Amino acid sequence: MTKRQLIYTLAAVNVGLLGTLAWRAIPSNVAHAQEAGGGPRQRGEYVFTTADVPGGSVGVVVVIDQVNREMTALASDRGSITSQVPIKLDQVFEGGQVAQPRGNGRGTGRNTPPPRTGTR
């Protein structure tokens, strides 16, 4: 091997090494975001519905993600939009308990109407 061939070979190796270094140093255009739990998040299937806030003038949209089992709410007030932190529905419904009515069952509970008095 002549001196000239050795120089060309070393130059080619250096160009290859420089290309490899550049390829590793330049970030790719691929997003690698993950949920805090570690696994990749599935694409959601969303249901949107409106809600009324008693005594308020704010428009509320409730968003339910059926695949990831989450619910959030978006409120619009004078051009600004605020959002609620998503709620994990599995944690809300994990007990499977049915809510029991309050009071003695005769309309004296907080969520039941009072008994009628008098006649019509």
PDB file of N, CA and C in Angstrom:
ATOM      1  N   MET A   1       0.844  -1.170   0.000  1.00  0.00           N
ATOM      2  CA  MET A   1       0.000   0.000   0.000  1.00  0.00           C
ATOM      3  C   MET A   1       0.891   1.235   0.000  1.00  0.00           C
ATOM      4  N   THR A   2       0.621   2.107  -0.914  1.00  0.00           N
ATOM      5  CA  THR A   2       1.445   3.304  -1.029  1.00  0.00           C
ATOM      6  C   THR A   2       0.964   4.356  -0.046  1.00  0.00           C
ATOM      7  N   LYS A   3       1.809   5.348   0.077  1.00  0.00           N
ATOM      8  CA  LYS A   3       1.496   6.430   1.004  1.00  0.00           C
ATOM      9  C   LYS A   3       0.235   7.167   0.554  1.00  0.00           C
ATOM     10  N   ARG A   4       0.065   7.348  -0.734  1.00  0.00           N
ATOM     11  CA  ARG A   4      -1.096   8.050  -1.270  1.00  0.00           C
ATOM     12  C   ARG A   4      -2.380   7.252  -0.984  1.00  0.00           C
ATOM     13  N   GLN A   5      -2.370   5.947  -1.158  1.00  0.00           N
ATOM     14  CA  GLN A   5      -3.539   5.118  -0.885  1.00  0.00           C
ATOM     15  C   GLN A   5      -3.903   5.144   0.601  1.00  0.00           C
ATOM     16  N   LEU A   6      -2.893   5.160   1.459  1.00  0.00           N
ATOM     17  CA  LEU A   6      -3.123   5.229   2.893  1.00  0.00           C
ATOM     18  C   LEU A   6      -3.807   6.544   3.283  1.00  0.00           C
ATOM     19  N   ILE A   7      -3.374   7.637   2.681  1.00  0.00           N
ATOM     20  CA  ILE A   7      -3.982   8.946   2.974  1.00  0.00           C
ATOM     21  C   ILE A   7      -5.442   8.963   2.500  1.00  0.00           C
ATOM     22  N   TYR A   8      -5.720   8.441   1.306  1.00  0.00           N
ATOM     23  CA  TYR A   8      -7.092   8.403   0.793  1.00  0.00           C
ATOM     24  C   TYR A   8      -7.987   7.497   1.669  1.00  0.00           C
ATOM     25  N   THR A   9      -7.429   6.391   2.104  1.00  0.00           N
ATOM     26  CA  THR A   9      -8.198   5.478   2.955  1.00  0.00           C
ATOM     27  C   THR A   9      -8.521   6.131   4.296  1.00  0.00           C
ATOM     28  N   LEU A  10      -7.526   6.792   4.892  1.00  0.00           N
ATOM     29  CA  LEU A  10      -7.763   7.481   6.170  1.00  0.00           C
ATOM     30  C   LEU A  10      -8.754   8.640   6.004  1.00  0.00           C
ATOM     31  N   ALA A  11      -8.677   9.351   4.883  1.00  0.00           N
ATOM     32  CA  ALA A  11      -9.633  10.439   4.621  1.00  0.00           C
ATOM     33  C   ALA A  11     -11.052   9.881   4.484  1.00  0.00           C
ATOM     34  N   ALA A  12     -11.205   8.757   3.793  1.00  0.00           N
ATOM     35  CA  ALA A  12     -12.525   8.147   3.632  1.00  0.00           C
ATOM     36  C   ALA A  12     -13.077   7.678   4.985  1.00  0.00           C
ATOM     37  N   VAL A  13     -12.225   7.094   5.821  1.00  0.00           N
ATOM     38  CA  VAL A  13     -12.662   6.660   7.153  1.00  0.00           C
ATOM     39  C   VAL A  13     -13.082   7.866   7.980  1.00  0.00           C
ATOM     40  N   ASN A  14     -12.320   8.963   7.904  1.00  0.00           N
ATOM     41  CA  ASN A  14     -12.675  10.173   8.647  1.00  0.00           C
ATOM     42  C   ASN A  14     -14.010  10.762   8.178  1.00  0.00           C
ATOM     43  N   VAL A  15     -14.247  10.760   6.862  1.00  0.00           N
ATOM     44  CA  VAL A  15     -15.531  11.247   6.347  1.00  0.00           C
ATOM     45  C   VAL A  15     -16.667  10.363   6.852  1.00  0.00           C
ATOM     46  N   GLY A  16     -16.462   9.069   6.868  1.00  0.00           N
ATOM     47  CA  GLY A  16     -17.479   8.150   7.386  1.00  0.00           C
ATOM     48  C   GLY A  16     -17.756   8.367   8.863  1.00  0.00           C
ATOM     49  N   LEU A  17     -16.701   8.555   9.657  1.00  0.00           N
ATOM     50  CA  LEU A  17     -16.862   8.811  11.081  1.00  0.00           C
ATOM     51  C   LEU A  17     -17.561  10.157  11.328  1.00  0.00           C
ATOM     52  N   LEU A  18     -17.209  11.160  10.538  1.00  0.00           N
ATOM     53  CA  LEU A  18     -17.848  12.477  10.676  1.00  0.00           C
ATOM     54  C   LEU A  18     -19.335  12.388  10.321  1.00  0.00           C
ATOM     55  N   GLY A  19     -19.659  11.637   9.287  1.00  0.00           N
ATOM     56  CA  GLY A  19     -21.070  11.439   8.919  1.00  0.00           C
ATOM     57  C   GLY A  19     -21.847  10.719  10.003  1.00  0.00           C
ATOM     58  N   THR A  20     -21.250   9.697  10.605  1.00  0.00           N
ATOM     59  CA  THR A  20     -21.895   8.971  11.693  1.00  0.00           C
ATOM     60  C   THR A  20     -22.115   9.874  12.897  1.00  0.00           C
ATOM     61  N   LEU A  21     -21.124  10.692  13.224  1.00  0.00           N
ATOM     62  CA  LEU A  21     -21.249  11.626  14.335  1.00  0.00           C
ATOM     63  C   LEU A  21     -22.370  12.635  14.081  1.00  0.00           C
ATOM     64  N   ALA A  22     -22.428  13.163  12.868  1.00  0.00           N
ATOM     65  CA  ALA A  22     -23.481  14.124  12.534  1.00  0.00           C
ATOM     66  C   ALA A  22     -24.857  13.462  12.579  1.00  0.00           C
ATOM     67  N   TRP A  23     -24.956  12.217  12.095  1.00  0.00           N
ATOM     68  CA  TRP A  23     -26.235  11.513  12.092  1.00  0.00           C
ATOM     69  C   TRP A  23     -26.732  11.273  13.523  1.00  0.00           C
ATOM     70  N   ARG A  24     -25.817  10.973  14.447  1.00  0.00           N
ATOM     71  CA  ARG A  24     -26.189  10.735  15.847  1.00  0.00           C
ATOM     72  C   ARG A  24     -26.465  12.026  16.606  1.00  0.00           C
ATOM     73  N   ALA A  25     -25.795  13.118  16.235  1.00  0.00           N
ATOM     74  CA  ALA A  25     -25.921  14.372  16.977  1.00  0.00           C
ATOM     75  C   ALA A  25     -27.160  15.166  16.580  1.00  0.00           C
ATOM     76  N   ILE A  26     -27.618  15.050  15.343  1.00  0.00           N
ATOM     77  CA  ILE A  26     -28.778  15.814  14.885  1.00  0.00           C
ATOM     78  C   ILE A  26     -30.036  15.068  15.332  1.00  0.00           C
ATOM     79  N   PRO A  27     -30.925  15.753  16.103  1.00  0.00           N
ATOM     80  CA  PRO A  27     -32.126  15.067  16.585  1.00  0.00           C
ATOM     81  C   PRO A  27     -33.102  14.775  15.442  1.00  0.00           C
ATOM     82  N   SER A  28     -33.804  13.674  15.577  1.00  0.00           N
ATOM     83  CA  SER A  28     -34.799  13.322  14.569  1.00  0.00           C
ATOM     84  C   SER A  28     -36.086  14.091  14.847  1.00  0.00           C
ATOM     85  N   ASN A  29     -36.990  14.078  13.902  1.00  0.00           N
ATOM     86  CA  ASN A  29     -38.231  14.819  14.012  1.00  0.00           C
ATOM     87  C   ASN A  29     -39.370  13.899  14.466  1.00  0.00           C
ATOM     88  N   VAL A  30     -39.097  13.012  15.404  1.00  0.00           N
ATOM     89  CA  VAL A  30     -40.089  12.069  15.884  1.00  0.00           C
ATOM     90  C   VAL A  30     -40.411  12.410  17.338  1.00  0.00           C
ATOM     91  N   ALA A  31     -41.704  12.473  17.657  1.00  0.00           N
ATOM     92  CA  ALA A  31     -42.122  12.756  19.029  1.00  0.00           C
ATOM     93  C   ALA A  31     -42.038  11.476  19.861  1.00  0.00           C
ATOM     94  N   HIS A  32     -41.489  11.583  21.050  1.00  0.00           N
ATOM     95  CA  HIS A  32     -41.332  10.433  21.929  1.00  0.00           C
ATOM     96  C   HIS A  32     -42.043  10.661  23.261  1.00  0.00           C
ATOM     97  N   ALA A  33     -43.175  11.367  23.252  1.00  0.00           N
ATOM     98  CA  ALA A  33     -43.874  11.666  24.495  1.00  0.00           C
ATOM     99  C   ALA A  33     -44.576  10.417  25.017  1.00  0.00           C
ATOM    100  N   GLN A  34     -44.585  10.271  26.338  1.00  0.00           N
ATOM    101  CA  GLN A  34     -45.261   9.157  26.983  1.00  0.00           C
ATOM    102  C   GLN A  34     -45.999   9.667  28.203  1.00  0.00           C
ATOM    103  N   GLU A  35     -47.011   8.915  28.603  1.00  0.00           N
ATOM    104  CA  GLU A  35     -47.732   9.220  29.822  1.00  0.00           C
ATOM    105  C   GLU A  35     -46.822   8.923  31.010  1.00  0.00           C
ATOM    106  N   ALA A  36     -47.095   9.562  32.133  1.00  0.00           N
ATOM    107  CA  ALA A  36     -46.269   9.372  33.317  1.00  0.00           C
ATOM    108  C   ALA A  36     -46.223   7.914  33.757  1.00  0.00           C
ATOM    109  N   GLY A  37     -47.250   7.134  33.434  1.00  0.00           N
ATOM    110  CA  GLY A  37     -47.293   5.727  33.818  1.00  0.00           C
ATOM    111  C   GLY A  37     -46.302   4.875  33.064  1.00  0.00           C
ATOM    112  N   GLY A  38     -45.754   5.377  31.972  1.00  0.00           N
ATOM    113  CA  GLY A  38     -44.731   4.642  31.256  1.00  0.00           C
ATOM    114  C   GLY A  38     -45.169   4.141  29.899  1.00  0.00           C
ATOM    115  N   GLY A  39     -46.333   3.554  29.799  1.00  0.00           N
ATOM    116  CA  GLY A  39     -46.755   2.972  28.533  1.00  0.00           C
ATOM    117  C   GLY A  39     -47.302   4.008  27.574  1.00  0.00           C
ATOM    118  N   PRO A  40     -47.323   3.688  26.293  1.00  0.00           N
ATOM    119  CA  PRO A  40     -47.886   4.633  25.336  1.00  0.00           C
ATOM    120  C   PRO A  40     -49.392   4.745  25.522  1.00  0.00           C
ATOM    121  N   ARG A  41     -49.902   5.913  25.310  1.00  0.00           N
ATOM    122  CA  ARG A  41     -51.320   6.200  25.498  1.00  0.00           C
ATOM    123  C   ARG A  41     -52.074   5.857  24.226  1.00  0.00           C
ATOM    124  N   GLN A  42     -53.228   5.233  24.373  1.00  0.00           N
ATOM    125  CA  GLN A  42     -54.036   4.882  23.225  1.00  0.00           C
ATOM    126  C   GLN A  42     -54.763   6.106  22.696  1.00  0.00           C
ATOM    127  N   ARG A  43     -55.085   6.061  21.414  1.00  0.00           N
ATOM    128  CA  ARG A  43     -55.865   7.141  20.813  1.00  0.00           C
ATOM    129  C   ARG A  43     -57.263   7.113  21.407  1.00  0.00           C
ATOM    130  N   GLY A  44     -57.755   8.268  21.845  1.00  0.00           N
ATOM    131  CA  GLY A  44     -59.034   8.341  22.534  1.00  0.00           C
ATOM    132  C   GLY A  44     -60.235   8.346  21.599  1.00  0.00           C
ATOM    133  N   GLU A  45     -61.379   8.002  22.168  1.00  0.00           N
ATOM    134  CA  GLU A  45     -62.663   8.120  21.493  1.00  0.00           C
ATOM    135  C   GLU A  45     -63.490   9.019  22.399  1.00  0.00           C
ATOM    136  N   TYR A  46     -63.830  10.225  21.909  1.00  0.00           N
ATOM    137  CA  TYR A  46     -64.348  11.273  22.765  1.00  0.00           C
ATOM    138  C   TYR A  46     -65.847  11.469  22.608  1.00  0.00           C
ATOM    139  N   VAL A  47     -66.487  11.819  23.729  1.00  0.00           N
ATOM    140  CA  VAL A  47     -67.887  12.222  23.757  1.00  0.00           C
ATOM    141  C   VAL A  47     -67.915  13.609  24.381  1.00  0.00           C
ATOM    142  N   PHE A  48     -68.579  14.547  23.705  1.00  0.00           N
ATOM    143  CA  PHE A  48     -68.700  15.906  24.199  1.00  0.00           C
ATOM    144  C   PHE A  48     -70.154  16.168  24.553  1.00  0.00           C
ATOM    145  N   THR A  49     -70.385  16.840  25.669  1.00  0.00           N
ATOM    146  CA  THR A  49     -71.729  17.248  26.048  1.00  0.00           C
ATOM    147  C   THR A  49     -71.639  18.573  26.801  1.00  0.00           C
ATOM    148  N   THR A  50     -72.729  19.316  26.784  1.00  0.00           N
ATOM    149  CA  THR A  50     -72.751  20.589  27.502  1.00  0.00           C
ATOM    150  C   THR A  50     -73.341  20.384  28.881  1.00  0.00           C
ATOM    151  N   ALA A  51     -73.039  21.294  29.780  1.00  0.00           N
ATOM    152  CA  ALA A  51     -73.556  21.228  31.143  1.00  0.00           C
ATOM    153  C   ALA A  51     -73.898  22.628  31.612  1.00  0.00           C
ATOM    154  N   ASP A  52     -74.850  22.727  32.518  1.00  0.00           N
ATOM    155  CA  ASP A  52     -75.220  23.999  33.121  1.00  0.00           C
ATOM    156  C   ASP A  52     -74.645  24.073  34.520  1.00  0.00           C
ATOM    157  N   VAL A  53     -74.138  25.244  34.867  1.00  0.00           N
ATOM    158  CA  VAL A  53     -73.625  25.480  36.197  1.00  0.00           C
ATOM    159  C   VAL A  53     -74.681  26.291  36.935  1.00  0.00           C
ATOM    160  N   PRO A  54     -75.244  25.766  38.021  1.00  0.00           N
ATOM    161  CA  PRO A  54     -76.280  26.517  38.739  1.00  0.00           C
ATOM    162  C   PRO A  54     -75.751  27.858  39.243  1.00  0.00           C
ATOM    163  N   GLY A  55     -76.465  28.919  38.906  1.00  0.00           N
ATOM    164  CA  GLY A  55     -76.087  30.243  39.371  1.00  0.00           C
ATOM    165  C   GLY A  55     -74.914  30.848  38.630  1.00  0.00           C
ATOM    166  N   GLY A  56     -74.493  30.266  37.537  1.00  0.00           N
ATOM    167  CA  GLY A  56     -73.345  30.781  36.811  1.00  0.00           C
ATOM    168  C   GLY A  56     -73.693  31.124  35.385  1.00  0.00           C
ATOM    169  N   SER A  57     -72.885  31.966  34.776  1.00  0.00           N
ATOM    170  CA  SER A  57     -73.105  32.352  33.383  1.00  0.00           C
ATOM    171  C   SER A  57     -72.004  31.782  32.486  1.00  0.00           C
ATOM    172  N   VAL A  58     -71.282  30.808  32.993  1.00  0.00           N
ATOM    173  CA  VAL A  58     -70.164  30.215  32.273  1.00  0.00           C
ATOM    174  C   VAL A  58     -70.661  29.024  31.462  1.00  0.00           C
ATOM    175  N   GLY A  59     -70.234  28.945  30.188  1.00  0.00           N
ATOM    176  CA  GLY A  59     -70.557  27.779  29.380  1.00  0.00           C
ATOM    177  C   GLY A  59     -69.577  26.662  29.669  1.00  0.00           C
ATOM    178  N   VAL A  60     -70.083  25.447  29.912  1.00  0.00           N
ATOM    179  CA  VAL A  60     -69.237  24.315  30.269  1.00  0.00           C
ATOM    180  C   VAL A  60     -69.446  23.188  29.266  1.00  0.00           C
ATOM    181  N   VAL A  61     -68.339  22.613  28.794  1.00  0.00           N
ATOM    182  CA  VAL A  61     -68.374  21.443  27.929  1.00  0.00           C
ATOM    183  C   VAL A  61     -67.658  20.318  28.669  1.00  0.00           C
ATOM    184  N   VAL A  62     -68.337  19.189  28.818  1.00  0.00           N
ATOM    185  CA  VAL A  62     -67.754  18.025  29.479  1.00  0.00           C
ATOM    186  C   VAL A  62     -67.228  17.091  28.389  1.00  0.00           C
ATOM    187  N   VAL A  63     -65.977  16.664  28.520  1.00  0.00           N
ATOM    188  CA  VAL A  63     -65.330  15.791  27.543  1.00  0.00           C
ATOM    189  C   VAL A  63     -65.023  14.465  28.227  1.00  0.00           C
ATOM    190  N   ILE A  64     -65.538  13.369  27.648  1.00  0.00           N
ATOM    191  CA  ILE A  64     -65.295  12.032  28.192  1.00  0.00           C
ATOM    192  C   ILE A  64     -64.497  11.240  27.163  1.00  0.00           C
ATOM    193  N   ASP A  65     -63.353  10.736  27.594  1.00  0.00           N
ATOM    194  CA  ASP A  65     -62.505   9.875  26.761  1.00  0.00           C
ATOM    195  C   ASP A  65     -62.851   8.431  27.117  1.00  0.00           C
ATOM    196  N   GLN A  66     -63.580   7.747  26.223  1.00  0.00           N
ATOM    197  CA  GLN A  66     -64.068   6.412  26.529  1.00  0.00           C
ATOM    198  C   GLN A  66     -62.963   5.356  26.508  1.00  0.00           C
ATOM    199  N   VAL A  67     -61.955   5.522  25.688  1.00  0.00           N
ATOM    200  CA  VAL A  67     -60.894   4.520  25.590  1.00  0.00           C
ATOM    201  C   VAL A  67     -59.981   4.575  26.812  1.00  0.00           C
ATOM    202  N   ASN A  68     -59.538   5.782  27.183  1.00  0.00           N
ATOM    203  CA  ASN A  68     -58.628   5.942  28.315  1.00  0.00           C
ATOM    204  C   ASN A  68     -59.360   6.152  29.634  1.00  0.00           C
ATOM    205  N   ARG A  69     -60.695   6.159  29.612  1.00  0.00           N
ATOM    206  CA  ARG A  69     -61.552   6.264  30.796  1.00  0.00           C
ATOM    207  C   ARG A  69     -61.213   7.489  31.636  1.00  0.00           C
ATOM    208  N   GLU A  70     -61.284   8.674  30.995  1.00  0.00           N
ATOM    209  CA  GLU A  70     -61.030   9.942  31.673  1.00  0.00           C
ATOM    210  C   GLU A  70     -62.134  10.926  31.348  1.00  0.00           C
ATOM    211  N   MET A  71     -62.325  11.900  32.242  1.00  0.00           N
ATOM    212  CA  MET A  71     -63.298  12.950  32.025  1.00  0.00           C
ATOM    213  C   MET A  71     -62.663  14.283  32.411  1.00  0.00           C
ATOM    214  N   THR A  72     -62.963  15.319  31.634  1.00  0.00           N
ATOM    215  CA  THR A  72     -62.514  16.659  31.948  1.00  0.00           C
ATOM    216  C   THR A  72     -63.608  17.633  31.560  1.00  0.00           C
ATOM    217  N   ALA A  73     -63.471  18.869  31.969  1.00  0.00           N
ATOM    218  CA  ALA A  73     -64.453  19.896  31.644  1.00  0.00           C
ATOM    219  C   ALA A  73     -63.719  21.138  31.163  1.00  0.00           C
ATOM    220  N   LEU A  74     -64.312  21.809  30.176  1.00  0.00           N
ATOM    221  CA  LEU A  74     -63.783  23.056  29.648  1.00  0.00           C
ATOM    222  C   LEU A  74     -64.820  24.140  29.885  1.00  0.00           C
ATOM    223  N   ALA A  75     -64.400  25.268  30.429  1.00  0.00           N
ATOM    224  CA  ALA A  75     -65.315  26.381  30.706  1.00  0.00           C
ATOM    225  C   ALA A  75     -64.871  27.590  29.906  1.00  0.00           C
ATOM    226  N   SER A  76     -65.837  28.290  29.325  1.00  0.00           N
ATOM    227  CA  SER A  76     -65.554  29.479  28.537  1.00  0.00           C
ATOM    228  C   SER A  76     -66.210  30.677  29.207  1.00  0.00           C
ATOM    229  N   ASP A  77     -65.404  31.678  29.518  1.00  0.00           N
ATOM    230  CA  ASP A  77     -65.918  32.877  30.165  1.00  0.00           C
ATOM    231  C   ASP A  77     -65.229  34.098  29.564  1.00  0.00           C
ATOM    232  N   ARG A  78     -65.974  34.883  28.818  1.00  0.00           N
ATOM    233  CA  ARG A  78     -65.476  36.123  28.215  1.00  0.00           C
ATOM    234  C   ARG A  78     -64.225  35.914  27.370  1.00  0.00           C
ATOM    235  N   GLY A  79     -64.247  34.899  26.546  1.00  0.00           N
ATOM    236  CA  GLY A  79     -63.148  34.681  25.615  1.00  0.00           C
ATOM    237  C   GLY A  79     -61.999  33.851  26.141  1.00  0.00           C
ATOM    238  N   SER A  80     -61.954  33.576  27.432  1.00  0.00           N
ATOM    239  CA  SER A  80     -60.878  32.732  27.956  1.00  0.00           C
ATOM    240  C   SER A  80     -61.431  31.345  28.243  1.00  0.00           C
ATOM    241  N   ILE A  81     -60.610  30.335  28.008  1.00  0.00           N
ATOM    242  CA  ILE A  81     -61.016  28.950  28.221  1.00  0.00           C
ATOM    243  C   ILE A  81     -60.152  28.363  29.326  1.00  0.00           C
ATOM    244  N   THR A  82     -60.806  27.787  30.320  1.00  0.00           N
ATOM    245  CA  THR A  82     -60.086  27.103  31.391  1.00  0.00           C
ATOM    246  C   THR A  82     -60.470  25.629  31.361  1.00  0.00           C
ATOM    247  N   SER A  83     -59.539  24.777  31.760  1.00  0.00           N
ATOM    248  CA  SER A  83     -59.820  23.349  31.751  1.00  0.00           C
ATOM    249  C   SER A  83     -59.565  22.746  33.119  1.00  0.00           C
ATOM    250  N   GLN A  84     -60.307  21.709  33.401  1.00  0.00           N
ATOM    251  CA  GLN A  84     -60.162  20.962  34.642  1.00  0.00           C
ATOM    252  C   GLN A  84     -59.115  19.881  34.428  1.00  0.00           C
ATOM    253  N   VAL A  85     -58.435  19.504  35.482  1.00  0.00           N
ATOM    254  CA  VAL A  85     -57.487  18.392  35.412  1.00  0.00           C
ATOM    255  C   VAL A  85     -58.287  17.124  35.121  1.00  0.00           C
ATOM    256  N   PRO A  86     -57.851  16.275  34.178  1.00  0.00           N
ATOM    257  CA  PRO A  86     -58.614  15.062  33.864  1.00  0.00           C
ATOM    258  C   PRO A  86     -58.799  14.161  35.076  1.00  0.00           C
ATOM    259  N   ILE A  87     -59.997  13.591  35.176  1.00  0.00           N
ATOM    260  CA  ILE A  87     -60.344  12.677  36.262  1.00  0.00           C
ATOM    261  C   ILE A  87     -60.336  11.263  35.702  1.00  0.00           C
ATOM    262  N   LYS A  88     -59.656  10.353  36.373  1.00  0.00           N
ATOM    263  CA  LYS A  88     -59.640   8.938  35.979  1.00  0.00           C
ATOM    264  C   LYS A  88     -60.955   8.302  36.429  1.00  0.00           C
ATOM    265  N   LEU A  89     -61.777   7.887  35.473  1.00  0.00           N
ATOM    266  CA  LEU A  89     -63.091   7.344  35.806  1.00  0.00           C
ATOM    267  C   LEU A  89     -62.992   5.989  36.497  1.00  0.00           C
ATOM    268  N   ASP A  90     -61.941   5.231  36.253  1.00  0.00           N
ATOM    269  CA  ASP A  90     -61.782   3.943  36.933  1.00  0.00           C
ATOM    270  C   ASP A  90     -61.659   4.145  38.442  1.00  0.00           C
ATOM    271  N   GLN A  91     -60.981   5.202  38.864  1.00  0.00           N
ATOM    272  CA  GLN A  91     -60.836   5.479  40.290  1.00  0.00           C
ATOM    273  C   GLN A  91     -62.157   5.919  40.899  1.00  0.00           C
ATOM    274  N   VAL A  92     -62.975   6.635  40.126  1.00  0.00           N
ATOM    275  CA  VAL A  92     -64.252   7.114  40.638  1.00  0.00           C
ATOM    276  C   VAL A  92     -65.219   5.950  40.833  1.00  0.00           C
ATOM    277  N   PHE A  93     -65.251   5.030  39.864  1.00  0.00           N
ATOM    278  CA  PHE A  93     -66.232   3.959  39.888  1.00  0.00           C
ATOM    279  C   PHE A  93     -65.675   2.617  40.364  1.00  0.00           C
ATOM    280  N   GLU A  94     -64.489   2.572  40.929  1.00  0.00           N
ATOM    281  CA  GLU A  94     -63.866   1.290  41.237  1.00  0.00           C
ATOM    282  C   GLU A  94     -64.623   0.484  42.285  1.00  0.00           C
ATOM    283  N   GLY A  95     -65.312   1.115  43.212  1.00  0.00           N
ATOM    284  CA  GLY A  95     -66.035   0.368  44.237  1.00  0.00           C
ATOM    285  C   GLY A  95     -67.314  -0.257  43.721  1.00  0.00           C
ATOM    286  N   GLY A  96     -67.938   0.337  42.708  1.00  0.00           N
ATOM    287  CA  GLY A  96     -69.190  -0.175  42.184  1.00  0.00           C
ATOM    288  C   GLY A  96     -70.350   0.013  43.142  1.00  0.00           C
ATOM    289  N   GLN A  97     -70.224   0.889  44.112  1.00  0.00           N
ATOM    290  CA  GLN A  97     -71.263   1.125  45.097  1.00  0.00           C
ATOM    291  C   GLN A  97     -72.348   2.020  44.516  1.00  0.00           C
ATOM    292  N   VAL A  98     -73.576   1.722  44.841  1.00  0.00           N
ATOM    293  CA  VAL A  98     -74.695   2.558  44.438  1.00  0.00           C
ATOM    294  C   VAL A  98     -74.918   3.583  45.531  1.00  0.00           C
ATOM    295  N   ALA A  99     -75.120   4.830  45.133  1.00  0.00           N
ATOM    296  CA  ALA A  99     -75.332   5.892  46.116  1.00  0.00           C
ATOM    297  C   ALA A  99     -76.648   5.664  46.852  1.00  0.00           C
ATOM    298  N   GLN A 100     -76.616   5.777  48.156  1.00  0.00           N
ATOM    299  CA  GLN A 100     -77.809   5.609  48.980  1.00  0.00           C
ATOM    300  C   GLN A 100     -78.469   6.969  49.189  1.00  0.00           C
ATOM    301  N   PRO A 101     -79.807   7.029  49.133  1.00  0.00           N
ATOM    302  CA  PRO A 101     -80.482   8.307  49.360  1.00  0.00           C
ATOM    303  C   PRO A 101     -80.293   8.764  50.795  1.00  0.00           C
ATOM    304  N   ARG A 102     -80.245  10.049  50.978  1.00  0.00           N
ATOM    305  CA  ARG A 102     -80.095  10.619  52.312  1.00  0.00           C
ATOM    306  C   ARG A 102     -81.467  10.764  52.956  1.00  0.00           C
ATOM    307  N   GLY A 103     -81.476  10.902  54.246  1.00  0.00           N
ATOM    308  CA  GLY A 103     -82.734  11.117  54.963  1.00  0.00           C
ATOM    309  C   GLY A 103     -83.435   9.812  55.273  1.00  0.00           C
ATOM    310  N   ASN A 104     -84.713   9.935  55.645  1.00  0.00           N
ATOM    311  CA  ASN A 104     -85.474   8.753  56.049  1.00  0.00           C
ATOM    312  C   ASN A 104     -86.366   8.220  54.936  1.00  0.00           C
ATOM    313  N   GLY A 105     -86.185   8.683  53.704  1.00  0.00           N
ATOM    314  CA  GLY A 105     -86.961   8.172  52.597  1.00  0.00           C
ATOM    315  C   GLY A 105     -88.320   8.837  52.430  1.00  0.00           C
ATOM    316  N   ARG A 106     -88.651   9.839  53.259  1.00  0.00           N
ATOM    317  CA  ARG A 106     -89.943  10.510  53.162  1.00  0.00           C
ATOM    318  C   ARG A 106     -89.794  11.950  52.688  1.00  0.00           C
ATOM    319  N   GLY A 107     -88.768  12.221  51.929  1.00  0.00           N
ATOM    320  CA  GLY A 107     -88.614  13.563  51.380  1.00  0.00           C
ATOM    321  C   GLY A 107     -87.911  14.533  52.287  1.00  0.00           C
ATOM    322  N   THR A 108     -87.244  14.060  53.317  1.00  0.00           N
ATOM    323  CA  THR A 108     -86.550  14.977  54.206  1.00  0.00           C
ATOM    324  C   THR A 108     -85.052  15.013  53.931  1.00  0.00           C
ATOM    325  N   GLY A 109     -84.600  14.243  52.950  1.00  0.00           N
ATOM    326  CA  GLY A 109     -83.181  14.242  52.614  1.00  0.00           C
ATOM    327  C   GLY A 109     -82.790  15.501  51.858  1.00  0.00           C
ATOM    328  N   ARG A 110     -81.543  15.699  51.720  1.00  0.00           N
ATOM    329  CA  ARG A 110     -81.039  16.914  51.087  1.00  0.00           C
ATOM    330  C   ARG A 110     -81.348  16.959  49.590  1.00  0.00           C
ATOM    331  N   ASN A 111     -81.334  15.822  48.912  1.00  0.00           N
ATOM    332  CA  ASN A 111     -81.529  15.791  47.471  1.00  0.00           C
ATOM    333  C   ASN A 111     -82.935  15.385  47.060  1.00  0.00           C
ATOM    334  N   THR A 112     -83.852  15.263  47.994  1.00  0.00           N
ATOM    335  CA  THR A 112     -85.211  14.876  47.661  1.00  0.00           C
ATOM    336  C   THR A 112     -86.149  16.041  47.947  1.00  0.00           C
ATOM    337  N   PRO A 113     -87.219  16.184  47.185  1.00  0.00           N
ATOM    338  CA  PRO A 113     -88.134  17.301  47.416  1.00  0.00           C
ATOM    339  C   PRO A 113     -88.905  17.100  48.720  1.00  0.00           C
ATOM    340  N   PRO A 114     -89.348  18.191  49.352  1.00  0.00           N
ATOM    341  CA  PRO A 114     -90.124  18.055  50.598  1.00  0.00           C
ATOM    342  C   PRO A 114     -91.495  17.460  50.295  1.00  0.00           C
ATOM    343  N   PRO A 115     -92.131  16.817  51.288  1.00  0.00           N
ATOM    344  CA  PRO A 115     -93.453  16.236  51.065  1.00  0.00           C
ATOM    345  C   PRO A 115     -94.488  17.319  50.799  1.00  0.00           C
ATOM    346  N   ARG A 116     -95.500  16.964  50.021  1.00  0.00           N
ATOM    347  CA  ARG A 116     -96.562  17.922  49.720  1.00  0.00           C
ATOM    348  C   ARG A 116     -97.482  18.070  50.912  1.00  0.00           C
ATOM    349  N   THR A 117     -97.922  19.280  51.108  1.00  0.00           N
ATOM    350  CA  THR A 117     -98.914  19.531  52.156  1.00  0.00           C
ATOM    351  C   THR A 117    -100.127  20.182  51.520  1.00  0.00           C
ATOM    352  N   GLY A 118    -101.267  19.877  52.019  1.00  0.00           N
ATOM    353  CA  GLY A 118    -102.496  20.469  51.488  1.00  0.00           C
ATOM    354  C   GLY A 118    -102.970  19.730  50.259  1.00  0.00           C
ATOM    355  N   THR A 119    -104.058  20.162  49.670  1.00  0.00           N
ATOM    356  CA  THR A 119    -104.632  19.545  48.491  1.00  0.00           C
ATOM    357  C   THR A 119    -104.751  20.577  47.385  1.00  0.00           C
ATOM    358  N   ARG A 120    -104.899  20.113  46.207  1.00  0.00           N
ATOM    359  CA  ARG A 120    -105.056  21.021  45.069  1.00  0.00           C
ATOM    360  C   ARG A 120    -106.467  21.128  44.669  1.00  0.00           C
TER     361      ARG A 120
END
